[in-house]
Amino acid sequence: MILVFGGTGQLGRELVRAAAARKVALQALTHDEADIADAAAVAAALARWKPELVVNAAAYTNVDGAETHFAETQRANALGPAVLAEACAAAGAAMVHISTDYVFDGSKHGAYVESDPVSPLSVYGKTKAAGEEAVRRTHRHHVILRTAWVYSEFGHNFVKTVLRLAETRDELRIVADQVGSPTSARELAEAILDIAPRLAAEPRLSGTYHFTAEGATTWHGFAECIVAAAAPIIGRQPRVTPITTADYPTPAKRPANSQLDCSRFVRTFGLAPRPWREAVQATTRVLATASQRAENHVA
């Protein structure tokens, strides 16, 4: 049995979908059902479901919002993982904790490896780094899985935002000096389910790993891919104009380089991620088609 906390997020919903397709026993809990920072609620959930593996997909992910909602972000991203890790250790359940490229400051030339020192720039990144450290300190049988630039058919994400703007605007101005790897939550969910049996059975695999789509681009390149994939479906293709980070100031500072080296994951589990464009194009087509169907049914 796999128990997922954060069941209504992008990854949580993809884990539910992928597990159902594979007929894997998986239970996903919402924040209302079990707040990971609530020790009693977490303990009750573990006692009820008796999981072999717990996936922590719960987090405060509004990077800009975190700058002014510190207490809420700290509770979800730092305190919660500590509480959950302690409960998993007591219950003898392996734990997968999802983390982020934003624990790095982006100053490195080339992709970050797991052993590179963290130096987060934002409240979001700092609380996620604290959550990682709490998991490492509290529960020996864990995997911290860092990923980046996550999107899916669910929730709020960059693909949905760009697609919505592409349907109404003639020009999109998108940051072109931040580099990373757009990663499908569906691909991430499939990877977690692929490795889950080994993680539950082999404590020696514990540690930190990176998993993103293969290859890297800028937010501008990401947007160009979305717009091009949607164009045949929505019937329009606005210009995508590159701008700098300075041209689009945000409350939270973001790393200029978010590339993560995934070779340790590939070596250990024998699973190679797909090129980022393939999944972006597939997700965009699904969302654009659904959007057009909805529009055609509005009186």
Protein backbone atom coordinates (compact mmCIF):
# COMPACT_ATOMS: atom_id res chain seq x y z
CA MET A 1 0.00 0.00 0.00
CA ILE A 2 1.21 3.49 -0.95
CA LEU A 3 -0.16 6.40 1.05
CA VAL A 4 0.01 9.86 -0.54
CA PHE A 5 -0.30 13.13 1.36
CA GLY A 6 -1.25 16.09 -0.83
CA GLY A 7 -3.78 14.19 -2.91
CA THR A 8 -5.36 17.22 -4.58
CA GLY A 9 -2.13 18.68 -5.98
CA GLN A 10 -0.74 18.10 -9.46
CA LEU A 11 1.45 15.17 -8.45
CA GLY A 12 -1.10 13.71 -6.05
CA ARG A 13 -3.77 13.57 -8.74
CA GLU A 14 -1.38 12.07 -11.26
CA LEU A 15 -0.34 9.41 -8.74
CA VAL A 16 -3.99 8.49 -8.25
CA ARG A 17 -4.54 8.25 -12.00
CA ALA A 18 -1.38 6.24 -12.67
CA ALA A 19 -1.99 3.87 -9.77
CA ALA A 20 -5.54 3.17 -10.94
CA ALA A 21 -4.28 2.34 -14.45
CA ARG A 22 -1.68 -0.04 -13.00
CA LYS A 23 -4.04 -1.46 -10.37
CA VAL A 24 -1.58 -0.46 -7.65
CA ALA A 25 -2.97 -0.09 -4.13
CA LEU A 26 -2.74 3.61 -3.39
CA GLN A 27 -4.66 5.95 -1.11
CA ALA A 28 -4.37 9.72 -1.51
CA LEU A 29 -5.31 12.06 1.34
CA THR A 30 -6.26 15.71 1.05
CA HIS A 31 -5.07 18.46 3.38
CA ASP A 32 -8.49 18.42 5.08
CA GLU A 33 -8.20 14.69 5.67
CA ALA A 34 -4.66 14.87 7.04
CA ASP A 35 -2.56 18.00 7.50
CA ILE A 36 1.03 16.74 7.46
CA ALA A 37 1.93 19.18 10.25
CA ASP A 38 -0.74 17.63 12.51
CA ALA A 39 1.01 14.77 14.31
CA ALA A 40 -2.22 13.17 15.51
CA ALA A 41 -3.82 13.24 12.06
CA VAL A 42 -0.70 11.79 10.43
CA ALA A 43 -0.39 9.03 13.04
CA ALA A 44 -4.06 8.13 12.61
CA ALA A 45 -3.69 7.94 8.83
CA LEU A 46 -0.65 5.67 9.07
CA ALA A 47 -2.39 3.45 11.62
CA ARG A 48 -5.45 3.13 9.42
CA TRP A 49 -3.78 2.47 6.06
CA LYS A 50 -0.58 0.74 7.23
CA PRO A 51 1.44 1.78 4.14
CA GLU A 52 4.74 0.29 3.10
CA LEU A 53 5.58 3.57 1.36
CA VAL A 54 4.46 7.14 2.03
CA VAL A 55 4.75 9.87 -0.62
CA ASN A 56 4.77 13.46 0.61
CA ALA A 57 3.36 15.47 -2.28
CA ALA A 58 1.95 18.14 0.06
CA ALA A 59 3.56 21.56 -0.04
CA TYR A 60 2.97 25.30 -0.25
CA THR A 61 4.03 25.91 -3.85
CA ASN A 62 3.01 29.53 -4.52
CA VAL A 63 6.57 30.84 -4.79
CA ASP A 64 5.63 34.53 -4.78
CA GLY A 65 2.86 34.08 -2.21
CA ALA A 66 5.32 32.44 0.17
CA GLU A 67 7.16 35.74 0.56
CA THR A 68 4.24 37.19 2.51
CA HIS A 69 2.78 33.97 3.96
CA PHE A 70 5.80 32.74 5.88
CA ALA A 71 3.99 30.93 8.69
CA GLU A 72 1.79 28.97 6.29
CA THR A 73 4.76 28.12 4.05
CA GLN A 74 6.93 27.11 7.00
CA ARG A 75 4.20 24.83 8.34
CA ALA A 76 3.66 23.06 5.02
CA ASN A 77 7.23 22.88 3.72
CA ALA A 78 9.40 22.55 6.84
CA LEU A 79 7.36 21.52 9.90
CA GLY A 80 5.08 19.14 7.98
CA PRO A 81 7.86 17.01 6.49
CA ALA A 82 9.48 16.74 9.93
CA VAL A 83 6.23 15.52 11.50
CA LEU A 84 5.57 13.11 8.66
CA ALA A 85 9.11 11.72 8.68
CA GLU A 86 8.92 11.08 12.43
CA ALA A 87 5.61 9.26 12.02
CA CYS A 88 6.93 7.17 9.12
CA ALA A 89 10.00 6.21 11.15
CA ALA A 90 7.81 5.11 14.06
CA ALA A 91 5.54 3.12 11.74
CA GLY A 92 8.38 1.53 9.78
CA ALA A 93 7.21 2.98 6.47
CA ALA A 94 9.59 4.16 3.76
CA MET A 95 9.10 7.77 2.69
CA VAL A 96 9.42 9.70 -0.57
CA HIS A 97 9.62 13.45 -0.06
CA ILE A 98 9.22 15.73 -3.08
CA SER A 99 11.53 18.73 -3.19
CA THR A 100 12.60 21.37 -5.68
CA ASP A 101 15.31 22.92 -7.80
CA TYR A 102 14.68 26.16 -5.89
CA VAL A 103 16.88 24.94 -3.02
CA PHE A 104 19.76 26.13 -5.24
CA ASP A 105 20.68 29.74 -6.02
CA GLY A 106 21.24 29.20 -9.74
CA SER A 107 24.82 30.48 -9.84
CA LYS A 108 26.40 27.20 -10.94
CA HIS A 109 27.48 26.69 -14.54
CA GLY A 110 25.92 23.40 -15.63
CA ALA A 111 23.46 21.08 -13.94
CA TYR A 112 23.30 20.67 -10.18
CA VAL A 113 24.13 17.29 -8.65
CA GLU A 114 22.66 16.03 -5.40
CA SER A 115 25.77 16.82 -3.36
CA ASP A 116 25.98 20.48 -4.39
CA PRO A 117 25.42 22.82 -1.42
CA VAL A 118 21.98 24.36 -1.22
CA SER A 119 21.61 28.14 -1.12
CA PRO A 120 17.96 29.08 -1.67
CA LEU A 121 16.99 32.61 -2.69
CA SER A 122 13.32 32.65 -1.66
CA VAL A 123 11.13 31.80 1.32
CA TYR A 124 9.77 28.89 -0.69
CA GLY A 125 13.26 27.57 -1.40
CA LYS A 126 14.43 28.09 2.18
CA THR A 127 11.47 26.24 3.66
CA LYS A 128 11.84 23.38 1.17
CA ALA A 129 15.53 23.09 2.09
CA ALA A 130 14.55 22.99 5.76
CA GLY A 131 12.03 20.25 4.98
CA GLU A 132 14.71 18.20 3.25
CA GLU A 133 17.03 18.49 6.23
CA ALA A 134 14.26 17.49 8.63
CA VAL A 135 13.54 14.34 6.64
CA ARG A 136 17.23 13.39 6.51
CA ARG A 137 17.64 13.97 10.24
CA THR A 138 14.47 12.17 11.32
CA HIS A 139 13.98 9.10 9.12
CA ARG A 140 16.77 6.92 7.73
CA HIS A 141 14.56 5.08 5.18
CA HIS A 142 13.74 8.01 2.92
CA VAL A 143 14.17 9.27 -0.62
CA ILE A 144 14.21 13.00 -1.30
CA LEU A 145 13.26 13.52 -4.93
CA ARG A 146 14.02 16.98 -6.30
CA THR A 147 12.21 18.04 -9.44
CA ALA A 148 11.57 21.27 -11.36
CA TRP A 149 9.07 23.37 -13.34
CA VAL A 150 6.20 20.92 -12.77
CA TYR A 151 3.02 21.10 -14.85
CA SER A 152 0.06 18.82 -15.59
CA GLU A 153 -3.54 18.77 -16.74
CA PHE A 154 -4.52 19.61 -13.15
CA GLY A 155 -4.22 22.65 -10.91
CA HIS A 156 -2.50 25.94 -11.72
CA ASN A 157 0.69 25.80 -13.78
CA PHE A 158 2.69 27.48 -16.53
CA VAL A 159 1.22 25.43 -19.39
CA LYS A 160 -2.31 26.40 -18.43
CA THR A 161 -1.37 30.05 -18.01
CA VAL A 162 0.36 30.29 -21.38
CA LEU A 163 -2.48 28.46 -23.13
CA ARG A 164 -5.06 30.83 -21.62
CA LEU A 165 -3.06 33.88 -22.70
CA ALA A 166 -2.44 32.44 -26.18
CA GLU A 167 -6.18 32.22 -26.75
CA THR A 168 -6.66 35.97 -26.23
CA ARG A 169 -3.40 37.84 -26.83
CA ASP A 170 -1.31 38.57 -29.91
CA GLU A 171 1.97 38.74 -27.99
CA LEU A 172 3.32 36.97 -24.93
CA ARG A 173 6.35 38.47 -23.17
CA ILE A 174 8.20 35.65 -21.39
CA VAL A 175 11.41 35.54 -19.34
CA ALA A 176 14.32 34.14 -21.34
CA ASP A 177 17.23 34.26 -18.88
CA GLN A 178 16.16 31.51 -16.47
CA VAL A 179 16.98 27.92 -17.50
CA GLY A 180 15.38 24.70 -16.31
CA SER A 181 13.64 21.49 -17.29
CA PRO A 182 9.84 21.52 -17.66
CA THR A 183 8.69 18.33 -15.95
CA SER A 184 5.36 16.60 -16.35
CA ALA A 185 3.69 15.58 -13.08
CA ARG A 186 2.46 12.51 -14.93
CA GLU A 187 6.03 11.49 -15.80
CA LEU A 188 7.07 12.11 -12.21
CA ALA A 189 4.18 10.02 -10.89
CA GLU A 190 5.00 7.15 -13.24
CA ALA A 191 8.64 7.26 -12.12
CA ILE A 192 7.66 7.12 -8.45
CA LEU A 193 5.41 4.12 -9.04
CA ASP A 194 8.17 2.43 -11.07
CA ILE A 195 10.65 2.67 -8.22
CA ALA A 196 8.20 2.27 -5.32
CA PRO A 197 8.62 -1.49 -4.80
CA ARG A 198 12.40 -1.14 -4.56
CA LEU A 199 12.22 1.87 -2.27
CA ALA A 200 9.94 0.03 0.15
CA ALA A 201 12.12 -3.10 0.16
CA GLU A 202 15.65 -1.71 -0.02
CA PRO A 203 16.65 0.85 2.64
CA ARG A 204 20.11 1.06 1.05
CA LEU A 205 18.56 3.13 -1.76
CA SER A 206 17.79 5.93 0.69
CA GLY A 207 19.14 9.36 -0.13
CA THR A 208 18.61 12.34 -2.42
CA TYR A 209 17.92 12.05 -6.15
CA HIS A 210 17.08 14.42 -8.98
CA PHE A 211 14.31 13.70 -11.48
CA THR A 212 13.27 16.05 -14.27
CA ALA A 213 12.51 15.72 -17.94
CA GLU A 214 15.52 15.35 -20.23
CA GLY A 215 17.02 18.54 -21.61
CA ALA A 216 16.59 22.17 -20.61
CA THR A 217 15.11 25.39 -21.93
CA THR A 218 14.10 28.85 -20.75
CA TRP A 219 10.61 29.93 -19.73
CA HIS A 220 10.53 31.61 -23.15
CA GLY A 221 11.41 28.36 -24.92
CA PHE A 222 8.85 26.53 -22.77
CA ALA A 223 6.18 29.03 -23.83
CA GLU A 224 7.14 28.80 -27.51
CA CYS A 225 6.68 25.03 -27.36
CA ILE A 226 3.24 25.40 -25.76
CA VAL A 227 2.07 28.02 -28.26
CA ALA A 228 3.27 25.97 -31.25
CA ALA A 229 1.60 22.79 -29.99
CA ALA A 230 -1.68 24.59 -29.32
CA ALA A 231 -1.80 26.58 -32.58
CA PRO A 232 -3.40 23.91 -34.82
CA ILE A 233 -6.09 23.35 -32.19
CA ILE A 234 -6.96 26.89 -31.09
CA GLY A 235 -6.40 28.43 -34.53
CA ARG A 236 -4.00 31.16 -33.47
CA GLN A 237 -0.31 31.53 -32.67
CA PRO A 238 0.72 34.72 -30.88
CA ARG A 239 4.28 36.03 -30.89
CA VAL A 240 6.41 34.92 -27.95
CA THR A 241 8.83 37.74 -27.16
CA PRO A 242 11.86 37.15 -24.93
CA ILE A 243 12.37 39.44 -21.95
CA THR A 244 14.79 39.49 -19.00
CA THR A 245 14.09 38.74 -15.35
CA ALA A 246 14.63 42.46 -14.70
CA ASP A 247 11.81 43.24 -17.14
CA TYR A 248 9.40 41.12 -15.08
CA PRO A 249 10.12 41.68 -11.37
CA THR A 250 8.47 39.25 -8.93
CA PRO A 251 8.27 39.21 -5.12
CA ALA A 252 10.43 36.07 -4.93
CA LYS A 253 13.89 35.75 -6.44
CA ARG A 254 14.30 32.74 -8.72
CA PRO A 255 17.49 30.88 -9.70
CA ALA A 256 18.84 31.71 -13.14
CA ASN A 257 19.94 28.09 -13.54
CA SER A 258 17.57 25.35 -12.38
CA GLN A 259 19.10 22.45 -14.28
CA LEU A 260 19.28 19.23 -12.25
CA ASP A 261 21.61 16.36 -13.14
CA CYS A 262 19.49 13.19 -13.06
CA SER A 263 22.26 10.68 -13.77
CA ARG A 264 22.25 9.24 -10.24
CA PHE A 265 18.55 8.40 -10.58
CA VAL A 266 19.15 6.83 -14.00
CA ARG A 267 22.13 4.78 -12.76
CA THR A 268 20.32 3.56 -9.66
CA PHE A 269 16.91 2.73 -11.10
CA GLY A 270 17.61 2.25 -14.80
CA LEU A 271 14.89 4.72 -15.81
CA ALA A 272 15.65 7.52 -18.26
CA PRO A 273 13.32 10.54 -18.39
CA ARG A 274 11.70 11.57 -21.68
CA PRO A 275 12.73 14.73 -23.54
CA TRP A 276 10.86 17.71 -22.12
CA ARG A 277 9.25 18.71 -25.43
CA GLU A 278 7.38 15.42 -25.85
CA ALA A 279 5.40 15.68 -22.63
CA VAL A 280 4.82 19.44 -22.98
CA GLN A 281 3.36 18.94 -26.43
CA ALA A 282 1.16 16.04 -25.28
CA THR A 283 -0.21 17.93 -22.26
CA THR A 284 -0.78 21.09 -24.29
CA ARG A 285 -2.79 19.21 -26.91
CA VAL A 286 -5.02 17.65 -24.24
CA LEU A 287 -5.64 20.98 -22.54
CA ALA A 288 -6.16 22.92 -25.79
CA THR A 289 -8.62 20.33 -27.08
CA ALA A 290 -10.58 20.41 -23.82
CA SER A 291 -10.62 24.21 -23.93
CA GLN A 292 -12.01 24.25 -27.46
CA ARG A 293 -14.68 21.70 -26.62
CA ALA A 294 -15.77 23.77 -23.64
CA GLU A 295 -15.85 26.93 -25.75
CA ASN A 296 -17.94 25.24 -28.42
CA HIS A 297 -20.53 24.23 -25.85
CA VAL A 298 -21.03 27.72 -24.46
CA ALA A 299 -24.26 29.28 -25.71
